[in-house]
């Protein structure tokens, strides 16, 4: 599935794009995986990214867990912590890295503690992209899927984080939010 640009806004020297399509088809230097804290890539966007990278989600899960042990020093990550793995097969599409972040499990609810955790999840990935001298990064709607956070709040938090981040960023010039389905894109469009 191709990726289509829906909207674009500019904030503090960063182009924020809303895209519809498959995040693994968008040639940002890094794509973000909405992972669980153990980096078990068993479903949703995590499974799709793992399969696209390695051809086999179990193999990519193994690679991710090894990277987590090396980079974090334990077998789980907290909100705001990220793990970086190579994009492997996706490198031919221009993607160099996958940055794994973990968002909150909202279960249909929303409050300041969920927002804080989600803010950290987005911010940690942006800071890692800056540290790696990357000029572009693409996110899925972290926590909006099976984790049950309201999509409107996820999109508002995403935009707020990028605006805050733009005040200190120098390498990152493009931040994309890639949403797979049309209905969700229509919801997200209202906040761009």
C-alpha atoms as a PDB file:
ATOM      1  CA  UNK A   1       0.000   0.000   0.000  1.00  0.00           C
ATOM      2  CA  UNK A   2       1.402   3.363  -1.015  1.00  0.00           C
ATOM      3  CA  UNK A   3       1.625   6.237   1.420  1.00  0.00           C
ATOM      4  CA  UNK A   4      -0.408   9.353   0.693  1.00  0.00           C
ATOM      5  CA  UNK A   5       0.226  12.784   2.188  1.00  0.00           C
ATOM      6  CA  UNK A   6      -2.988  14.137   3.723  1.00  0.00           C
ATOM      7  CA  UNK A   7      -1.828  17.308   5.526  1.00  0.00           C
ATOM      8  CA  UNK A   8       1.354  19.145   6.415  1.00  0.00           C
ATOM      9  CA  UNK A   9       2.090  21.907   8.907  1.00  0.00           C
ATOM     10  CA  UNK A  10       5.358  23.621   9.764  1.00  0.00           C
ATOM     11  CA  UNK A  11       6.391  24.249  13.345  1.00  0.00           C
ATOM     12  CA  UNK A  12       9.736  25.707  14.397  1.00  0.00           C
ATOM     13  CA  UNK A  13      11.574  24.481  11.311  1.00  0.00           C
ATOM     14  CA  UNK A  14      10.026  21.016  11.419  1.00  0.00           C
ATOM     15  CA  UNK A  15       7.567  19.788   8.821  1.00  0.00           C
ATOM     16  CA  UNK A  16       4.847  17.712  10.528  1.00  0.00           C
ATOM     17  CA  UNK A  17       3.049  15.463   8.061  1.00  0.00           C
ATOM     18  CA  UNK A  18      -0.110  13.411   8.354  1.00  0.00           C
ATOM     19  CA  UNK A  19       0.094  10.422   6.030  1.00  0.00           C
ATOM     20  CA  UNK A  20      -2.219   7.557   5.219  1.00  0.00           C
ATOM     21  CA  UNK A  21      -0.809   4.138   4.428  1.00  0.00           C
ATOM     22  CA  UNK A  22       1.747   1.549   5.509  1.00  0.00           C
ATOM     23  CA  UNK A  23       4.475   2.974   7.759  1.00  0.00           C
ATOM     24  CA  UNK A  24       6.954   0.396   6.393  1.00  0.00           C
ATOM     25  CA  UNK A  25       6.554   1.941   2.920  1.00  0.00           C
ATOM     26  CA  UNK A  26       7.436   5.497   3.980  1.00  0.00           C
ATOM     27  CA  UNK A  27      11.126   6.389   3.458  1.00  0.00           C
ATOM     28  CA  UNK A  28      11.809   8.245   6.722  1.00  0.00           C
ATOM     29  CA  UNK A  29      15.325   7.576   8.068  1.00  0.00           C
ATOM     30  CA  UNK A  30      13.714   5.979  11.133  1.00  0.00           C
ATOM     31  CA  UNK A  31      10.292   4.507  11.694  1.00  0.00           C
ATOM     32  CA  UNK A  32       8.888   4.125  15.171  1.00  0.00           C
ATOM     33  CA  UNK A  33       7.457   0.878  16.439  1.00  0.00           C
ATOM     34  CA  UNK A  34       4.642   1.077  18.981  1.00  0.00           C
ATOM     35  CA  UNK A  35       5.987  -1.834  20.999  1.00  0.00           C
ATOM     36  CA  UNK A  36       5.081  -3.506  24.248  1.00  0.00           C
ATOM     37  CA  UNK A  37       7.596  -3.156  27.071  1.00  0.00           C
ATOM     38  CA  UNK A  38       9.145  -6.590  26.362  1.00  0.00           C
ATOM     39  CA  UNK A  39       9.474  -5.979  22.595  1.00  0.00           C
ATOM     40  CA  UNK A  40       7.369  -9.039  21.758  1.00  0.00           C
ATOM     41  CA  UNK A  41       6.267  -8.123  18.235  1.00  0.00           C
ATOM     42  CA  UNK A  42       3.157 -10.292  18.195  1.00  0.00           C
ATOM     43  CA  UNK A  43       0.447  -8.088  16.719  1.00  0.00           C
ATOM     44  CA  UNK A  44      -0.596  -4.779  15.214  1.00  0.00           C
ATOM     45  CA  UNK A  45       1.980  -2.354  13.867  1.00  0.00           C
ATOM     46  CA  UNK A  46       4.782  -4.110  15.814  1.00  0.00           C
ATOM     47  CA  UNK A  47       4.159  -7.381  13.965  1.00  0.00           C
ATOM     48  CA  UNK A  48       3.886  -5.616  10.587  1.00  0.00           C
ATOM     49  CA  UNK A  49       7.184  -3.764  11.114  1.00  0.00           C
ATOM     50  CA  UNK A  50       9.001  -6.875  12.427  1.00  0.00           C
ATOM     51  CA  UNK A  51       7.826  -8.965   9.471  1.00  0.00           C
ATOM     52  CA  UNK A  52       8.753  -6.244   6.955  1.00  0.00           C
ATOM     53  CA  UNK A  53      12.241  -5.831   8.478  1.00  0.00           C
ATOM     54  CA  UNK A  54      13.307  -9.464   8.852  1.00  0.00           C
ATOM     55  CA  UNK A  55      10.741 -11.414   6.845  1.00  0.00           C
ATOM     56  CA  UNK A  56      10.000 -13.226  10.090  1.00  0.00           C
ATOM     57  CA  UNK A  57       8.516 -11.491  13.143  1.00  0.00           C
ATOM     58  CA  UNK A  58       9.991 -14.034  15.606  1.00  0.00           C
ATOM     59  CA  UNK A  59      13.511 -13.424  14.280  1.00  0.00           C
ATOM     60  CA  UNK A  60      13.084  -9.654  14.569  1.00  0.00           C
ATOM     61  CA  UNK A  61      11.735 -10.079  18.098  1.00  0.00           C
ATOM     62  CA  UNK A  62      14.935 -11.981  18.958  1.00  0.00           C
ATOM     63  CA  UNK A  63      17.091  -9.198  17.449  1.00  0.00           C
ATOM     64  CA  UNK A  64      15.076  -6.540  19.314  1.00  0.00           C
ATOM     65  CA  UNK A  65      15.373  -8.297  22.679  1.00  0.00           C
ATOM     66  CA  UNK A  66      19.143  -8.659  22.194  1.00  0.00           C
ATOM     67  CA  UNK A  67      19.414  -4.934  21.346  1.00  0.00           C
ATOM     68  CA  UNK A  68      17.351  -4.073  24.437  1.00  0.00           C
ATOM     69  CA  UNK A  69      19.725  -6.047  26.693  1.00  0.00           C
ATOM     70  CA  UNK A  70      22.708  -4.223  25.121  1.00  0.00           C
ATOM     71  CA  UNK A  71      21.185  -0.718  25.088  1.00  0.00           C
ATOM     72  CA  UNK A  72      19.016  -0.678  28.249  1.00  0.00           C
ATOM     73  CA  UNK A  73      20.602  -3.482  30.274  1.00  0.00           C
ATOM     74  CA  UNK A  74      17.380  -5.303  31.083  1.00  0.00           C
ATOM     75  CA  UNK A  75      14.531  -7.209  29.449  1.00  0.00           C
ATOM     76  CA  UNK A  76      11.921  -4.420  29.357  1.00  0.00           C
ATOM     77  CA  UNK A  77      11.652  -0.701  28.613  1.00  0.00           C
ATOM     78  CA  UNK A  78       9.776   2.037  30.445  1.00  0.00           C
ATOM     79  CA  UNK A  79       7.841   4.977  28.969  1.00  0.00           C
ATOM     80  CA  UNK A  80      10.353   7.343  27.412  1.00  0.00           C
ATOM     81  CA  UNK A  81      13.045   4.687  26.946  1.00  0.00           C
ATOM     82  CA  UNK A  82      13.724   3.504  23.417  1.00  0.00           C
ATOM     83  CA  UNK A  83      15.598   0.694  21.708  1.00  0.00           C
ATOM     84  CA  UNK A  84      17.105   1.076  18.234  1.00  0.00           C
ATOM     85  CA  UNK A  85      17.374  -1.808  15.777  1.00  0.00           C
ATOM     86  CA  UNK A  86      18.483  -1.915  12.132  1.00  0.00           C
ATOM     87  CA  UNK A  87      15.771  -1.694   9.468  1.00  0.00           C
ATOM     88  CA  UNK A  88      17.291  -4.664   7.583  1.00  0.00           C
ATOM     89  CA  UNK A  89      15.111  -5.311   4.506  1.00  0.00           C
ATOM     90  CA  UNK A  90      13.520  -1.861   4.809  1.00  0.00           C
ATOM     91  CA  UNK A  91      16.896  -0.234   4.109  1.00  0.00           C
ATOM     92  CA  UNK A  92      16.139  -0.632   0.407  1.00  0.00           C
ATOM     93  CA  UNK A  93      13.198   1.760   0.986  1.00  0.00           C
ATOM     94  CA  UNK A  94      15.498   4.357   2.594  1.00  0.00           C
ATOM     95  CA  UNK A  95      14.678   3.434   6.200  1.00  0.00           C
ATOM     96  CA  UNK A  96      17.822   3.007   8.339  1.00  0.00           C
ATOM     97  CA  UNK A  97      16.475   2.309  11.830  1.00  0.00           C
ATOM     98  CA  UNK A  98      13.471   1.159  13.793  1.00  0.00           C
ATOM     99  CA  UNK A  99      13.068   2.999  17.100  1.00  0.00           C
ATOM    100  CA  UNK A 100      10.958   0.991  19.551  1.00  0.00           C
ATOM    101  CA  UNK A 101       8.949   2.952  22.095  1.00  0.00           C
ATOM    102  CA  UNK A 102       6.241   1.911  24.534  1.00  0.00           C
ATOM    103  CA  UNK A 103       3.063   3.882  25.097  1.00  0.00           C
ATOM    104  CA  UNK A 104       0.468   3.558  27.855  1.00  0.00           C
ATOM    105  CA  UNK A 105      -2.332   0.990  27.934  1.00  0.00           C
ATOM    106  CA  UNK A 106      -5.425   3.211  28.278  1.00  0.00           C
ATOM    107  CA  UNK A 107      -8.242   0.715  27.798  1.00  0.00           C
ATOM    108  CA  UNK A 108     -10.564   3.441  26.512  1.00  0.00           C
ATOM    109  CA  UNK A 109      -9.778   5.864  29.343  1.00  0.00           C
ATOM    110  CA  UNK A 110      -7.712   9.063  29.286  1.00  0.00           C
ATOM    111  CA  UNK A 111      -6.159  11.202  32.025  1.00  0.00           C
ATOM    112  CA  UNK A 112      -2.988  13.172  32.773  1.00  0.00           C
ATOM    113  CA  UNK A 113      -0.975  10.088  33.721  1.00  0.00           C
ATOM    114  CA  UNK A 114      -1.730   8.440  30.344  1.00  0.00           C
ATOM    115  CA  UNK A 115      -0.865  11.691  28.576  1.00  0.00           C
ATOM    116  CA  UNK A 116       2.431  11.950  30.469  1.00  0.00           C
ATOM    117  CA  UNK A 117       3.421   8.383  29.516  1.00  0.00           C
ATOM    118  CA  UNK A 118       2.465   8.933  25.879  1.00  0.00           C
ATOM    119  CA  UNK A 119       4.323  12.253  25.803  1.00  0.00           C
ATOM    120  CA  UNK A 120       7.467  10.451  27.043  1.00  0.00           C
ATOM    121  CA  UNK A 121       7.018   7.692  24.428  1.00  0.00           C
ATOM    122  CA  UNK A 122       6.914  10.218  21.561  1.00  0.00           C
ATOM    123  CA  UNK A 123       9.638  12.438  23.030  1.00  0.00           C
ATOM    124  CA  UNK A 124      12.084   9.580  23.655  1.00  0.00           C
ATOM    125  CA  UNK A 125      11.919   8.498  20.005  1.00  0.00           C
ATOM    126  CA  UNK A 126      12.359  12.080  18.748  1.00  0.00           C
ATOM    127  CA  UNK A 127      15.387  12.624  20.991  1.00  0.00           C
ATOM    128  CA  UNK A 128      16.940   9.363  19.759  1.00  0.00           C
ATOM    129  CA  UNK A 129      16.441  10.452  16.129  1.00  0.00           C
ATOM    130  CA  UNK A 130      18.146  13.766  16.957  1.00  0.00           C
ATOM    131  CA  UNK A 131      21.013  11.915  18.675  1.00  0.00           C
ATOM    132  CA  UNK A 132      21.453   9.672  15.596  1.00  0.00           C
ATOM    133  CA  UNK A 133      21.619  12.787  13.341  1.00  0.00           C
ATOM    134  CA  UNK A 134      18.532  11.723  11.399  1.00  0.00           C
ATOM    135  CA  UNK A 135      16.546  14.291   9.430  1.00  0.00           C
ATOM    136  CA  UNK A 136      13.253  12.373   9.287  1.00  0.00           C
ATOM    137  CA  UNK A 137      11.196  10.059  11.487  1.00  0.00           C
ATOM    138  CA  UNK A 138       7.762   8.461  11.063  1.00  0.00           C
ATOM    139  CA  UNK A 139       5.426   7.420  13.874  1.00  0.00           C
ATOM    140  CA  UNK A 140       2.320   5.278  14.023  1.00  0.00           C
ATOM    141  CA  UNK A 141      -0.506   6.438  16.310  1.00  0.00           C
ATOM    142  CA  UNK A 142       1.230   5.050  19.417  1.00  0.00           C
ATOM    143  CA  UNK A 143      -1.225   3.481  21.914  1.00  0.00           C
ATOM    144  CA  UNK A 144      -4.299   4.211  19.745  1.00  0.00           C
ATOM    145  CA  UNK A 145      -4.670   0.601  18.581  1.00  0.00           C
ATOM    146  CA  UNK A 146      -5.086  -2.354  20.931  1.00  0.00           C
ATOM    147  CA  UNK A 147      -3.843  -0.207  23.845  1.00  0.00           C
ATOM    148  CA  UNK A 148      -7.111   1.709  23.612  1.00  0.00           C
ATOM    149  CA  UNK A 149      -6.038   5.345  23.995  1.00  0.00           C
ATOM    150  CA  UNK A 150      -8.458   7.774  22.304  1.00  0.00           C
ATOM    151  CA  UNK A 151      -7.079   8.627  18.854  1.00  0.00           C
ATOM    152  CA  UNK A 152      -7.941  12.328  19.250  1.00  0.00           C
ATOM    153  CA  UNK A 153      -5.795  12.525  22.401  1.00  0.00           C
ATOM    154  CA  UNK A 154      -2.954  10.587  20.770  1.00  0.00           C
ATOM    155  CA  UNK A 155      -2.885  13.006  17.813  1.00  0.00           C
ATOM    156  CA  UNK A 156      -3.095  16.106  20.037  1.00  0.00           C
ATOM    157  CA  UNK A 157      -0.271  14.777  22.240  1.00  0.00           C
ATOM    158  CA  UNK A 158       1.837  13.923  19.178  1.00  0.00           C
ATOM    159  CA  UNK A 159       1.538  17.479  17.804  1.00  0.00           C
ATOM    160  CA  UNK A 160       2.255  19.013  21.222  1.00  0.00           C
ATOM    161  CA  UNK A 161       5.403  16.895  21.636  1.00  0.00           C
ATOM    162  CA  UNK A 162       6.712  17.809  18.176  1.00  0.00           C
ATOM    163  CA  UNK A 163       6.070  21.517  18.860  1.00  0.00           C
ATOM    164  CA  UNK A 164       7.979  21.299  22.163  1.00  0.00           C
ATOM    165  CA  UNK A 165      10.754  19.266  20.559  1.00  0.00           C
ATOM    166  CA  UNK A 166      11.128  21.762  17.684  1.00  0.00           C
ATOM    167  CA  UNK A 167      12.469  24.349  20.163  1.00  0.00           C
ATOM    168  CA  UNK A 168      15.655  22.313  20.693  1.00  0.00           C
ATOM    169  CA  UNK A 169      15.934  20.124  17.576  1.00  0.00           C
ATOM    170  CA  UNK A 170      18.546  20.823  14.946  1.00  0.00           C
ATOM    171  CA  UNK A 171      18.851  17.608  12.893  1.00  0.00           C
ATOM    172  CA  UNK A 172      15.250  16.429  12.633  1.00  0.00           C
ATOM    173  CA  UNK A 173      13.417  18.351   9.899  1.00  0.00           C
ATOM    174  CA  UNK A 174      10.466  16.067   9.182  1.00  0.00           C
ATOM    175  CA  UNK A 175       8.174  14.199  11.566  1.00  0.00           C
ATOM    176  CA  UNK A 176       5.374  12.112  10.075  1.00  0.00           C
ATOM    177  CA  UNK A 177       2.323  10.505  11.651  1.00  0.00           C
ATOM    178  CA  UNK A 178       1.389   7.520   9.478  1.00  0.00           C
ATOM    179  CA  UNK A 179      -2.113   6.131   9.943  1.00  0.00           C
ATOM    180  CA  UNK A 180      -3.284   3.053   8.093  1.00  0.00           C
ATOM    181  CA  UNK A 181      -7.053   3.414   7.810  1.00  0.00           C
ATOM    182  CA  UNK A 182      -9.158   6.177   6.249  1.00  0.00           C
ATOM    183  CA  UNK A 183     -11.562   6.632   9.204  1.00  0.00           C
ATOM    184  CA  UNK A 184      -8.700   7.277  11.625  1.00  0.00           C
ATOM    185  CA  UNK A 185      -7.032   9.662   9.162  1.00  0.00           C
ATOM    186  CA  UNK A 186     -10.255  11.690   9.026  1.00  0.00           C
ATOM    187  CA  UNK A 187     -10.194  11.979  12.851  1.00  0.00           C
ATOM    188  CA  UNK A 188      -6.496  12.951  12.907  1.00  0.00           C
ATOM    189  CA  UNK A 189      -6.913  15.553  10.135  1.00  0.00           C
ATOM    190  CA  UNK A 190      -8.976  17.776  12.428  1.00  0.00           C
ATOM    191  CA  UNK A 191      -5.929  18.421  14.645  1.00  0.00           C
ATOM    192  CA  UNK A 192      -3.504  19.361  11.876  1.00  0.00           C
END
